[in-house]
Amino acid sequence: MKLNKNIRNIAAVAALVILPVLVPGYSIFAGRDSHRTDGSAALKVATCQFPVSADIDGNAKYIRDFIKEAAANKANIVHFSEAALSGYGGADVPDFKNYDWEKLRARTHEIMALAKQNNIWVVLGSAHYLSPKEKPTNCLYIISDEGKIVDRYDKSMCTSGDLKVYTPGNHLVTIELKGIKCGFLICYDSCFPEMYNIYRHKGVKVMFHSFYNARHKSKTILDEIIPAEIRVRASDNLMWVVANNSSAAHSAWPTCIARPDGSLTSLQRGVPGILYRTFPDDEKTKKFPSWTHNNKMMVLPENEVYHNGKPSHHPRAANRQALP
């Protein structure tokens, strides 16, 4: 899939596993150094689905309950879908002109406190306020087990509908948990192989990919194409892809986890729940012959652009530890 020429106007970054190396002329997409945690024990991931809506309080209750359940099941990190707390702009929320940002901030504070109380990392889908004159970003807050926002990923590849209500991002985010490099993407990012390729160059082995493909009137092409993309991105990049979705009807597909061999494990479509996985995981290869194929890493094009639309230069966009 190609972007229009008018948005391919910034040179890309070649980011290696340990140190980022910038292509001359490019500065805004380098991302910051990975966040690290101590310990070499296995990493247990919990990824969740529930019927995301415009009701911030209702969304927050699902999120709090799932954080407690994941922590009780000894998960190290719990992962929520795109716009899980805020509701999805253009679908649940027609626009953000009269949005209750104070309530969103208050519920975010509560979730941060709960992360600390339960000693668990949280990947929280939400919206990030920029200014009265700018649209918010569609984001994932990365909340540590100390209850702090350590980073924020802003959806970079926005659909034409997204761009009516959101401002696109222009940076990558990685963290390292239990010795495993993790990356973060949102929904439409899956349609662009270059988004996975650059994370592969950063050494990412587990991708947290949050989606919102729900509240359709009936089945759409998304029911077919998105699970296929998840499998292909996993197998092409030798990554685990942890891909969740809203469970609101009609949900295009259920929350799933793809292995680097392209096989898939899923929850039941349309039913709130949690899917767990512990890394490293050799379950598949122990049960039957399995293999990976793409051991030749693709190069990073020197003139690639990893966003569409016009990103913001507002200080609140640059401050990736800020509240909504």
C-alpha atoms as a PDB file:
ATOM      1  CA  MET A   1       0.000   0.000   0.000  1.00  0.00           C
ATOM      2  CA  LYS A   2       1.446   3.415  -1.005  1.00  0.00           C
ATOM      3  CA  LEU A   3       0.882   6.757   0.610  1.00  0.00           C
ATOM      4  CA  ASN A   4       0.274   9.816  -1.538  1.00  0.00           C
ATOM      5  CA  LYS A   5       3.417  11.646  -2.611  1.00  0.00           C
ATOM      6  CA  ASN A   6       2.416  14.785  -0.761  1.00  0.00           C
ATOM      7  CA  ILE A   7       2.825  13.025   2.606  1.00  0.00           C
ATOM      8  CA  ARG A   8       6.138  11.366   1.777  1.00  0.00           C
ATOM      9  CA  ASN A   9       8.155  14.443   2.545  1.00  0.00           C
ATOM     10  CA  ILE A  10      10.343  13.536   5.483  1.00  0.00           C
ATOM     11  CA  ALA A  11      13.338  11.201   5.465  1.00  0.00           C
ATOM     12  CA  ALA A  12      13.230   8.137   7.745  1.00  0.00           C
ATOM     13  CA  VAL A  13      15.280   6.838  10.628  1.00  0.00           C
ATOM     14  CA  ALA A  14      17.291   3.646  10.556  1.00  0.00           C
ATOM     15  CA  ALA A  15      16.919   2.376  14.097  1.00  0.00           C
ATOM     16  CA  LEU A  16      19.144  -0.504  15.185  1.00  0.00           C
ATOM     17  CA  VAL A  17      18.510  -2.865  18.084  1.00  0.00           C
ATOM     18  CA  ILE A  18      20.610  -1.005  20.638  1.00  0.00           C
ATOM     19  CA  LEU A  19      21.312   2.534  19.423  1.00  0.00           C
ATOM     20  CA  PRO A  20      19.146   4.574  17.047  1.00  0.00           C
ATOM     21  CA  VAL A  21      20.978   5.727  13.942  1.00  0.00           C
ATOM     22  CA  LEU A  22      19.350   8.672  12.222  1.00  0.00           C
ATOM     23  CA  VAL A  23      19.227   9.090   8.493  1.00  0.00           C
ATOM     24  CA  PRO A  24      20.498  12.592   7.622  1.00  0.00           C
ATOM     25  CA  GLY A  25      17.679  15.130   7.530  1.00  0.00           C
ATOM     26  CA  TYR A  26      15.321  13.149   9.772  1.00  0.00           C
ATOM     27  CA  SER A  27      14.792  13.830  13.452  1.00  0.00           C
ATOM     28  CA  ILE A  28      11.205  13.471  14.660  1.00  0.00           C
ATOM     29  CA  PHE A  29      10.597   9.731  14.289  1.00  0.00           C
ATOM     30  CA  ALA A  30      13.628   8.330  16.116  1.00  0.00           C
ATOM     31  CA  GLY A  31      11.779   7.410  19.298  1.00  0.00           C
ATOM     32  CA  ARG A  32      13.418   7.442  22.704  1.00  0.00           C
ATOM     33  CA  ASP A  33      15.526   4.845  24.430  1.00  0.00           C
ATOM     34  CA  SER A  34      13.710   1.708  25.514  1.00  0.00           C
ATOM     35  CA  HIS A  35      12.384   1.571  29.058  1.00  0.00           C
ATOM     36  CA  ARG A  36      13.793  -1.391  30.942  1.00  0.00           C
ATOM     37  CA  THR A  37      12.788  -3.531  33.887  1.00  0.00           C
ATOM     38  CA  ASP A  38      15.012  -5.786  35.912  1.00  0.00           C
ATOM     39  CA  GLY A  39      14.730  -9.562  36.045  1.00  0.00           C
ATOM     40  CA  SER A  40      14.976 -12.421  33.575  1.00  0.00           C
ATOM     41  CA  ALA A  41      11.835 -14.357  34.527  1.00  0.00           C
ATOM     42  CA  ALA A  42       9.136 -15.094  31.954  1.00  0.00           C
ATOM     43  CA  LEU A  43       6.915 -12.254  30.773  1.00  0.00           C
ATOM     44  CA  LYS A  44       3.190 -12.937  31.230  1.00  0.00           C
ATOM     45  CA  VAL A  45       0.905 -10.834  29.027  1.00  0.00           C
ATOM     46  CA  ALA A  46      -2.852 -10.291  29.401  1.00  0.00           C
ATOM     47  CA  THR A  47      -4.742  -8.771  26.467  1.00  0.00           C
ATOM     48  CA  CYS A  48      -8.375  -7.751  26.901  1.00  0.00           C
ATOM     49  CA  GLN A  49     -11.578  -7.162  24.985  1.00  0.00           C
ATOM     50  CA  PHE A  50     -14.820  -5.490  26.063  1.00  0.00           C
ATOM     51  CA  PRO A  51     -17.535  -3.415  24.316  1.00  0.00           C
ATOM     52  CA  VAL A  52     -15.859  -0.002  24.196  1.00  0.00           C
ATOM     53  CA  SER A  53     -18.366   2.872  24.180  1.00  0.00           C
ATOM     54  CA  ALA A  54     -18.684   6.631  24.665  1.00  0.00           C
ATOM     55  CA  ASP A  55     -19.286   6.020  28.394  1.00  0.00           C
ATOM     56  CA  ILE A  56     -15.936   6.807  30.041  1.00  0.00           C
ATOM     57  CA  ASP A  57     -17.123   5.529  33.420  1.00  0.00           C
ATOM     58  CA  GLY A  58     -18.398   2.276  31.909  1.00  0.00           C
ATOM     59  CA  ASN A  59     -15.154   1.755  30.016  1.00  0.00           C
ATOM     60  CA  ALA A  60     -13.153   2.515  33.159  1.00  0.00           C
ATOM     61  CA  LYS A  61     -15.035  -0.121  35.148  1.00  0.00           C
ATOM     62  CA  TYR A  62     -14.167  -2.819  32.597  1.00  0.00           C
ATOM     63  CA  ILE A  63     -10.546  -1.656  32.634  1.00  0.00           C
ATOM     64  CA  ARG A  64     -10.267  -1.639  36.438  1.00  0.00           C
ATOM     65  CA  ASP A  65     -11.860  -5.082  36.715  1.00  0.00           C
ATOM     66  CA  PHE A  66      -9.531  -6.534  34.061  1.00  0.00           C
ATOM     67  CA  ILE A  67      -6.455  -4.993  35.710  1.00  0.00           C
ATOM     68  CA  LYS A  68      -7.378  -6.683  38.977  1.00  0.00           C
ATOM     69  CA  GLU A  69      -8.093 -10.000  37.248  1.00  0.00           C
ATOM     70  CA  ALA A  70      -4.852  -9.908  35.255  1.00  0.00           C
ATOM     71  CA  ALA A  71      -2.842  -9.072  38.374  1.00  0.00           C
ATOM     72  CA  ALA A  72      -4.524 -11.908  40.291  1.00  0.00           C
ATOM     73  CA  ASN A  73      -3.411 -14.220  37.488  1.00  0.00           C
ATOM     74  CA  LYS A  74       0.208 -13.001  37.855  1.00  0.00           C
ATOM     75  CA  ALA A  75       0.355 -11.095  34.561  1.00  0.00           C
ATOM     76  CA  ASN A  76       3.169  -8.549  34.252  1.00  0.00           C
ATOM     77  CA  ILE A  77       1.372  -6.347  31.720  1.00  0.00           C
ATOM     78  CA  VAL A  78      -2.280  -5.894  30.731  1.00  0.00           C
ATOM     79  CA  HIS A  79      -3.169  -4.566  27.280  1.00  0.00           C
ATOM     80  CA  PHE A  80      -6.329  -2.722  26.207  1.00  0.00           C
ATOM     81  CA  SER A  81      -7.803  -1.929  22.805  1.00  0.00           C
ATOM     82  CA  GLU A  82      -7.726   1.272  20.795  1.00  0.00           C
ATOM     83  CA  ALA A  83      -9.695   4.082  22.516  1.00  0.00           C
ATOM     84  CA  ALA A  84     -10.578   1.687  25.345  1.00  0.00           C
ATOM     85  CA  LEU A  85     -11.046   4.438  27.936  1.00  0.00           C
ATOM     86  CA  SER A  86     -11.979   7.443  25.800  1.00  0.00           C
ATOM     87  CA  GLY A  87     -14.282   5.844  23.242  1.00  0.00           C
ATOM     88  CA  TYR A  88     -13.398   5.915  19.558  1.00  0.00           C
ATOM     89  CA  GLY A  89     -13.577   9.257  17.752  1.00  0.00           C
ATOM     90  CA  GLY A  90     -15.927   9.220  14.784  1.00  0.00           C
ATOM     91  CA  ALA A  91     -17.779   6.144  16.049  1.00  0.00           C
ATOM     92  CA  ASP A  92     -18.507   6.337  19.791  1.00  0.00           C
ATOM     93  CA  VAL A  93     -17.590  10.026  19.965  1.00  0.00           C
ATOM     94  CA  PRO A  94     -18.713  12.054  16.899  1.00  0.00           C
ATOM     95  CA  ASP A  95     -16.051  14.681  17.663  1.00  0.00           C
ATOM     96  CA  PHE A  96     -14.102  15.995  20.660  1.00  0.00           C
ATOM     97  CA  LYS A  97     -15.436  19.581  20.694  1.00  0.00           C
ATOM     98  CA  ASN A  98     -17.390  19.168  23.934  1.00  0.00           C
ATOM     99  CA  TYR A  99     -15.552  16.155  25.274  1.00  0.00           C
ATOM    100  CA  ASP A 100     -15.251  15.690  29.068  1.00  0.00           C
ATOM    101  CA  TRP A 101     -11.455  15.821  29.331  1.00  0.00           C
ATOM    102  CA  GLU A 102     -11.570  16.329  33.109  1.00  0.00           C
ATOM    103  CA  LYS A 103     -13.399  13.040  33.555  1.00  0.00           C
ATOM    104  CA  LEU A 104     -10.935  11.274  31.237  1.00  0.00           C
ATOM    105  CA  ARG A 105      -8.007  12.637  33.277  1.00  0.00           C
ATOM    106  CA  ALA A 106      -9.625  11.590  36.550  1.00  0.00           C
ATOM    107  CA  ARG A 107     -10.260   8.034  35.364  1.00  0.00           C
ATOM    108  CA  THR A 108      -6.726   7.860  33.951  1.00  0.00           C
ATOM    109  CA  HIS A 109      -5.365   8.863  37.381  1.00  0.00           C
ATOM    110  CA  GLU A 110      -7.406   6.074  38.969  1.00  0.00           C
ATOM    111  CA  ILE A 111      -6.069   3.517  36.491  1.00  0.00           C
ATOM    112  CA  MET A 112      -2.490   4.689  37.124  1.00  0.00           C
ATOM    113  CA  ALA A 113      -2.998   4.276  40.865  1.00  0.00           C
ATOM    114  CA  LEU A 114      -4.476   0.810  40.323  1.00  0.00           C
ATOM    115  CA  ALA A 115      -1.466  -0.202  38.208  1.00  0.00           C
ATOM    116  CA  LYS A 116       0.823   0.723  41.098  1.00  0.00           C
ATOM    117  CA  GLN A 117      -1.418  -0.946  43.670  1.00  0.00           C
ATOM    118  CA  ASN A 118      -1.447  -4.189  41.669  1.00  0.00           C
ATOM    119  CA  ASN A 119       2.200  -4.011  40.545  1.00  0.00           C
ATOM    120  CA  ILE A 120       1.298  -4.386  36.855  1.00  0.00           C
ATOM    121  CA  TRP A 121       2.077  -2.499  33.643  1.00  0.00           C
ATOM    122  CA  VAL A 122      -0.914  -1.181  31.678  1.00  0.00           C
ATOM    123  CA  VAL A 123      -1.216  -0.403  27.955  1.00  0.00           C
ATOM    124  CA  LEU A 124      -4.204   1.936  27.879  1.00  0.00           C
ATOM    125  CA  GLY A 125      -5.979   2.943  24.677  1.00  0.00           C
ATOM    126  CA  SER A 126      -7.284   6.505  24.947  1.00  0.00           C
ATOM    127  CA  ALA A 127      -7.193  10.015  23.459  1.00  0.00           C
ATOM    128  CA  HIS A 128      -4.583  12.671  24.226  1.00  0.00           C
ATOM    129  CA  TYR A 129      -5.598  16.342  24.415  1.00  0.00           C
ATOM    130  CA  LEU A 130      -3.358  18.820  22.568  1.00  0.00           C
ATOM    131  CA  SER A 131      -4.994  22.265  22.468  1.00  0.00           C
ATOM    132  CA  PRO A 132      -8.327  23.976  21.742  1.00  0.00           C
ATOM    133  CA  LYS A 133      -7.192  24.516  18.161  1.00  0.00           C
ATOM    134  CA  GLU A 134      -5.919  20.985  17.486  1.00  0.00           C
ATOM    135  CA  LYS A 135      -7.524  17.572  17.337  1.00  0.00           C
ATOM    136  CA  PRO A 136      -6.364  15.058  19.988  1.00  0.00           C
ATOM    137  CA  THR A 137      -4.189  12.089  19.181  1.00  0.00           C
ATOM    138  CA  ASN A 138      -5.439   8.504  19.224  1.00  0.00           C
ATOM    139  CA  CYS A 139      -3.010   7.009  21.699  1.00  0.00           C
ATOM    140  CA  LEU A 140      -1.731   4.227  23.893  1.00  0.00           C
ATOM    141  CA  TYR A 141      -0.498   5.303  27.330  1.00  0.00           C
ATOM    142  CA  ILE A 142       2.267   3.031  28.609  1.00  0.00           C
ATOM    143  CA  ILE A 143       1.762   2.988  32.391  1.00  0.00           C
ATOM    144  CA  SER A 144       4.440   1.342  34.525  1.00  0.00           C
ATOM    145  CA  ASP A 145       3.931  -0.884  37.554  1.00  0.00           C
ATOM    146  CA  GLU A 146       4.863   2.201  39.591  1.00  0.00           C
ATOM    147  CA  GLY A 147       1.761   3.960  38.312  1.00  0.00           C
ATOM    148  CA  LYS A 148       3.548   6.410  35.995  1.00  0.00           C
ATOM    149  CA  ILE A 149       3.003   7.208  32.315  1.00  0.00           C
ATOM    150  CA  VAL A 150       6.454   6.364  30.975  1.00  0.00           C
ATOM    151  CA  ASP A 151       5.608   6.866  27.307  1.00  0.00           C
ATOM    152  CA  ARG A 152       2.794   7.342  24.822  1.00  0.00           C
ATOM    153  CA  TYR A 153       2.329   5.977  21.320  1.00  0.00           C
ATOM    154  CA  ASP A 154       0.174   8.121  19.023  1.00  0.00           C
ATOM    155  CA  LYS A 155      -1.484   6.392  16.072  1.00  0.00           C
ATOM    156  CA  SER A 156       0.637   7.284  13.059  1.00  0.00           C
ATOM    157  CA  MET A 157      -1.238   5.832  10.110  1.00  0.00           C
ATOM    158  CA  CYS A 158      -4.683   7.400  10.437  1.00  0.00           C
ATOM    159  CA  THR A 159      -7.567   6.583   8.111  1.00  0.00           C
ATOM    160  CA  SER A 160      -9.346   9.400   6.267  1.00  0.00           C
ATOM    161  CA  GLY A 161     -12.083   9.125   8.907  1.00  0.00           C
ATOM    162  CA  ASP A 162      -9.518   9.307  11.724  1.00  0.00           C
ATOM    163  CA  LEU A 163      -8.040  12.496  10.307  1.00  0.00           C
ATOM    164  CA  LYS A 164     -11.404  14.234  10.710  1.00  0.00           C
ATOM    165  CA  VAL A 165     -11.197  13.829  14.511  1.00  0.00           C
ATOM    166  CA  TYR A 166      -7.558  12.961  15.355  1.00  0.00           C
ATOM    167  CA  THR A 167      -4.066  14.365  14.831  1.00  0.00           C
ATOM    168  CA  PRO A 168      -1.552  11.694  13.705  1.00  0.00           C
ATOM    169  CA  GLY A 169       1.584  10.833  15.637  1.00  0.00           C
ATOM    170  CA  ASN A 170       5.151  10.693  14.346  1.00  0.00           C
ATOM    171  CA  HIS A 171       7.173   8.540  16.738  1.00  0.00           C
ATOM    172  CA  LEU A 172       7.773   4.943  17.769  1.00  0.00           C
ATOM    173  CA  VAL A 173       7.706   3.549  21.301  1.00  0.00           C
ATOM    174  CA  THR A 174       9.574   0.541  22.670  1.00  0.00           C
ATOM    175  CA  ILE A 175       9.969  -0.808  26.178  1.00  0.00           C
ATOM    176  CA  GLU A 176      11.916  -3.770  27.477  1.00  0.00           C
ATOM    177  CA  LEU A 177      10.170  -6.049  29.980  1.00  0.00           C
ATOM    178  CA  LYS A 178      11.794  -9.157  31.430  1.00  0.00           C
ATOM    179  CA  GLY A 179      14.487  -8.912  28.768  1.00  0.00           C
ATOM    180  CA  ILE A 180      11.944  -8.848  25.884  1.00  0.00           C
ATOM    181  CA  LYS A 181      11.743  -5.816  23.577  1.00  0.00           C
ATOM    182  CA  CYS A 182       8.118  -4.722  23.053  1.00  0.00           C
ATOM    183  CA  GLY A 183       6.619  -2.304  20.519  1.00  0.00           C
ATOM    184  CA  PHE A 184       3.264  -0.561  20.116  1.00  0.00           C
ATOM    185  CA  LEU A 185       0.932   0.128  17.182  1.00  0.00           C
ATOM    186  CA  ILE A 186      -2.729   1.033  16.670  1.00  0.00           C
ATOM    187  CA  CYS A 187      -5.275  -0.376  14.214  1.00  0.00           C
ATOM    188  CA  TYR A 188      -4.716   0.974  10.647  1.00  0.00           C
ATOM    189  CA  ASP A 189      -0.943   0.789  11.229  1.00  0.00           C
ATOM    190  CA  SER A 190      -1.323  -2.928  10.398  1.00  0.00           C
ATOM    191  CA  CYS A 191      -2.014  -2.078   6.744  1.00  0.00           C
ATOM    192  CA  PHE A 192       1.508  -0.698   6.305  1.00  0.00           C
ATOM    193  CA  PRO A 193       4.337  -3.279   6.319  1.00  0.00           C
ATOM    194  CA  GLU A 194       6.888  -0.521   6.901  1.00  0.00           C
ATOM    195  CA  MET A 195       5.486   0.056  10.400  1.00  0.00           C
ATOM    196  CA  TYR A 196       6.468  -3.471  11.397  1.00  0.00           C
ATOM    197  CA  ASN A 197       9.736  -3.408   9.494  1.00  0.00           C
ATOM    198  CA  ILE A 198      11.108  -0.428  11.413  1.00  0.00           C
ATOM    199  CA  TYR A 199      10.153  -2.062  14.726  1.00  0.00           C
ATOM    200  CA  ARG A 200      11.895  -5.245  13.611  1.00  0.00           C
ATOM    201  CA  HIS A 201      15.041  -3.185  13.052  1.00  0.00           C
ATOM    202  CA  LYS A 202      14.678  -1.979  16.630  1.00  0.00           C
ATOM    203  CA  GLY A 203      14.755  -5.586  17.859  1.00  0.00           C
ATOM    204  CA  VAL A 204      11.095  -5.840  18.889  1.00  0.00           C
ATOM    205  CA  LYS A 205       9.926  -9.402  19.583  1.00  0.00           C
ATOM    206  CA  VAL A 206       6.434  -8.760  21.005  1.00  0.00           C
ATOM    207  CA  MET A 207       4.136  -6.204  19.358  1.00  0.00           C
ATOM    208  CA  PHE A 208       1.165  -4.836  21.294  1.00  0.00           C
ATOM    209  CA  HIS A 209      -1.249  -3.862  18.523  1.00  0.00           C
ATOM    210  CA  SER A 210      -4.512  -2.299  19.711  1.00  0.00           C
ATOM    211  CA  PHE A 211      -7.519  -2.244  17.375  1.00  0.00           C
ATOM    212  CA  TYR A 212     -11.059  -0.909  17.275  1.00  0.00           C
ATOM    213  CA  ASN A 213     -12.977  -2.674  14.507  1.00  0.00           C
ATOM    214  CA  ALA A 214     -16.487  -2.950  15.928  1.00  0.00           C
ATOM    215  CA  ARG A 215     -20.018  -1.525  15.891  1.00  0.00           C
ATOM    216  CA  HIS A 216     -20.417  -2.395  12.218  1.00  0.00           C
ATOM    217  CA  LYS A 217     -23.927  -3.179  10.978  1.00  0.00           C
ATOM    218  CA  SER A 218     -22.785  -6.546   9.639  1.00  0.00           C
ATOM    219  CA  LYS A 219     -19.761  -8.425   8.351  1.00  0.00           C
ATOM    220  CA  THR A 220     -17.246  -6.371   6.343  1.00  0.00           C
ATOM    221  CA  ILE A 221     -13.969  -7.060   4.548  1.00  0.00           C
ATOM    222  CA  LEU A 222     -12.251  -6.308   7.876  1.00  0.00           C
ATOM    223  CA  ASP A 223     -13.486  -9.676   9.166  1.00  0.00           C
ATOM    224  CA  GLU A 224     -11.179 -11.313   6.638  1.00  0.00           C
ATOM    225  CA  ILE A 225      -8.311  -8.942   6.035  1.00  0.00           C
ATOM    226  CA  ILE A 226      -7.270  -7.941   9.561  1.00  0.00           C
ATOM    227  CA  PRO A 227      -6.680 -11.463  10.972  1.00  0.00           C
ATOM    228  CA  ALA A 228      -4.759 -12.215   7.755  1.00  0.00           C
ATOM    229  CA  GLU A 229      -2.639  -9.077   8.193  1.00  0.00           C
ATOM    230  CA  ILE A 230      -1.902  -9.950  11.811  1.00  0.00           C
ATOM    231  CA  ARG A 231      -0.670 -13.412  10.802  1.00  0.00           C
ATOM    232  CA  VAL A 232       1.456 -12.046   7.969  1.00  0.00           C
ATOM    233  CA  ARG A 233       3.005  -9.241  10.032  1.00  0.00           C
ATOM    234  CA  ALA A 234       3.922 -11.771  12.718  1.00  0.00           C
ATOM    235  CA  SER A 235       5.454 -14.292  10.326  1.00  0.00           C
ATOM    236  CA  ASP A 236       7.153 -11.725   8.078  1.00  0.00           C
ATOM    237  CA  ASN A 237       8.847 -10.044  11.034  1.00  0.00           C
ATOM    238  CA  LEU A 238       9.434 -13.042  13.328  1.00  0.00           C
ATOM    239  CA  MET A 239       7.369 -11.343  16.033  1.00  0.00           C
ATOM    240  CA  TRP A 240       4.607 -12.235  18.398  1.00  0.00           C
ATOM    241  CA  VAL A 241       1.645  -9.928  17.721  1.00  0.00           C
ATOM    242  CA  VAL A 242      -0.739  -9.336  20.614  1.00  0.00           C
ATOM    243  CA  ALA A 243      -3.802  -7.906  18.863  1.00  0.00           C
ATOM    244  CA  ASN A 244      -6.943  -6.981  20.748  1.00  0.00           C
ATOM    245  CA  ASN A 245     -10.234  -5.461  19.628  1.00  0.00           C
ATOM    246  CA  SER A 246     -13.447  -4.032  21.005  1.00  0.00           C
ATOM    247  CA  SER A 247     -16.023  -6.776  21.531  1.00  0.00           C
ATOM    248  CA  ALA A 248     -19.009  -4.521  20.696  1.00  0.00           C
ATOM    249  CA  ALA A 249     -21.313  -5.916  18.002  1.00  0.00           C
ATOM    250  CA  HIS A 250     -20.528  -6.336  15.175  1.00  0.00           C
ATOM    251  CA  SER A 251     -16.903  -6.953  16.115  1.00  0.00           C
ATOM    252  CA  ALA A 252     -14.933  -7.692  12.947  1.00  0.00           C
ATOM    253  CA  TRP A 253     -12.762 -10.289  14.684  1.00  0.00           C
ATOM    254  CA  PRO A 254     -11.892 -11.327  18.245  1.00  0.00           C
ATOM    255  CA  THR A 255      -8.823 -10.488  20.287  1.00  0.00           C
ATOM    256  CA  CYS A 256      -5.992 -12.781  19.245  1.00  0.00           C
ATOM    257  CA  ILE A 257      -2.270 -13.517  19.558  1.00  0.00           C
ATOM    258  CA  ALA A 258      -0.217 -14.488  16.518  1.00  0.00           C
ATOM    259  CA  ARG A 259       2.985 -16.483  16.821  1.00  0.00           C
ATOM    260  CA  PRO A 260       6.067 -15.852  14.673  1.00  0.00           C
ATOM    261  CA  ASP A 261       5.089 -18.910  12.612  1.00  0.00           C
ATOM    262  CA  GLY A 262       1.787 -17.217  11.673  1.00  0.00           C
ATOM    263  CA  SER A 263      -0.530 -19.397  13.753  1.00  0.00           C
ATOM    264  CA  LEU A 264      -3.262 -17.721  15.775  1.00  0.00           C
ATOM    265  CA  THR A 265      -4.960 -18.122  19.165  1.00  0.00           C
ATOM    266  CA  SER A 266      -8.179 -16.169  19.741  1.00  0.00           C
ATOM    267  CA  LEU A 267     -10.879 -15.334  22.258  1.00  0.00           C
ATOM    268  CA  GLN A 268     -14.566 -15.781  21.471  1.00  0.00           C
ATOM    269  CA  ARG A 269     -15.863 -12.972  19.294  1.00  0.00           C
ATOM    270  CA  GLY A 270     -18.166 -10.471  21.021  1.00  0.00           C
ATOM    271  CA  VAL A 271     -17.608 -11.724  24.576  1.00  0.00           C
ATOM    272  CA  PRO A 272     -15.612  -9.677  27.124  1.00  0.00           C
ATOM    273  CA  GLY A 273     -12.536 -11.526  28.304  1.00  0.00           C
ATOM    274  CA  ILE A 274      -8.772 -11.835  28.693  1.00  0.00           C
ATOM    275  CA  LEU A 275      -6.294 -13.837  26.616  1.00  0.00           C
ATOM    276  CA  TYR A 276      -3.023 -14.758  28.345  1.00  0.00           C
ATOM    277  CA  ARG A 277       0.372 -15.705  26.947  1.00  0.00           C
ATOM    278  CA  THR A 278       3.742 -16.193  28.630  1.00  0.00           C
ATOM    279  CA  PHE A 279       6.966 -15.378  26.790  1.00  0.00           C
ATOM    280  CA  PRO A 280       9.193 -16.924  25.665  1.00  0.00           C
ATOM    281  CA  ASP A 281       6.702 -19.543  24.431  1.00  0.00           C
ATOM    282  CA  ASP A 282       7.582 -22.737  22.565  1.00  0.00           C
ATOM    283  CA  GLU A 283       4.147 -24.361  22.929  1.00  0.00           C
ATOM    284  CA  LYS A 284       3.532 -24.562  19.187  1.00  0.00           C
ATOM    285  CA  THR A 285       6.840 -26.130  18.247  1.00  0.00           C
ATOM    286  CA  LYS A 286       6.505 -28.753  20.979  1.00  0.00           C
ATOM    287  CA  LYS A 287       3.106 -29.917  19.722  1.00  0.00           C
ATOM    288  CA  PHE A 288       3.815 -30.256  16.006  1.00  0.00           C
ATOM    289  CA  PRO A 289       6.452 -29.255  13.438  1.00  0.00           C
ATOM    290  CA  SER A 290       6.553 -25.499  12.997  1.00  0.00           C
ATOM    291  CA  TRP A 291       8.879 -23.094  11.289  1.00  0.00           C
ATOM    292  CA  THR A 292       9.513 -19.469  10.557  1.00  0.00           C
ATOM    293  CA  HIS A 293      10.512 -18.265   7.134  1.00  0.00           C
ATOM    294  CA  ASN A 294      11.562 -14.636   6.843  1.00  0.00           C
ATOM    295  CA  ASN A 295      15.053 -14.724   8.324  1.00  0.00           C
ATOM    296  CA  LYS A 296      16.295 -12.074   5.886  1.00  0.00           C
ATOM    297  CA  MET A 297      15.471  -8.657   7.339  1.00  0.00           C
ATOM    298  CA  MET A 298      14.218  -6.079   4.849  1.00  0.00           C
ATOM    299  CA  VAL A 299      16.224  -2.891   4.553  1.00  0.00           C
ATOM    300  CA  LEU A 300      14.869   0.446   5.776  1.00  0.00           C
ATOM    301  CA  PRO A 301      14.252   2.765   2.811  1.00  0.00           C
ATOM    302  CA  GLU A 302      16.076   6.057   3.230  1.00  0.00           C
ATOM    303  CA  ASN A 303      13.071   8.194   2.281  1.00  0.00           C
ATOM    304  CA  GLU A 304      10.278   6.337   4.061  1.00  0.00           C
ATOM    305  CA  VAL A 305       7.599   8.238   5.987  1.00  0.00           C
ATOM    306  CA  TYR A 306       6.003   6.532   8.965  1.00  0.00           C
ATOM    307  CA  HIS A 307       2.833   8.589   9.293  1.00  0.00           C
ATOM    308  CA  ASN A 308       0.123  10.172   7.203  1.00  0.00           C
ATOM    309  CA  GLY A 309      -1.645  13.467   7.743  1.00  0.00           C
ATOM    310  CA  LYS A 310       0.077  16.362   9.531  1.00  0.00           C
ATOM    311  CA  PRO A 311       1.531  15.653  13.001  1.00  0.00           C
ATOM    312  CA  SER A 312       1.402  18.297  15.735  1.00  0.00           C
ATOM    313  CA  HIS A 313       4.369  20.274  17.039  1.00  0.00           C
ATOM    314  CA  HIS A 314       2.500  21.342  20.168  1.00  0.00           C
ATOM    315  CA  PRO A 315       4.446  20.845  23.450  1.00  0.00           C
ATOM    316  CA  ARG A 316       1.762  18.440  24.660  1.00  0.00           C
ATOM    317  CA  ALA A 317       2.440  16.244  21.635  1.00  0.00           C
ATOM    318  CA  ALA A 318       6.170  16.206  22.419  1.00  0.00           C
ATOM    319  CA  ASN A 319       5.627  15.510  26.144  1.00  0.00           C
ATOM    320  CA  ARG A 320       5.006  11.785  26.126  1.00  0.00           C
ATOM    321  CA  GLN A 321       4.543  11.486  29.905  1.00  0.00           C
ATOM    322  CA  ALA A 322       1.653  13.980  30.040  1.00  0.00           C
ATOM    323  CA  LEU A 323      -1.857  13.127  31.189  1.00  0.00           C
ATOM    324  CA  PRO A 324      -4.733  13.292  28.646  1.00  0.00           C
END
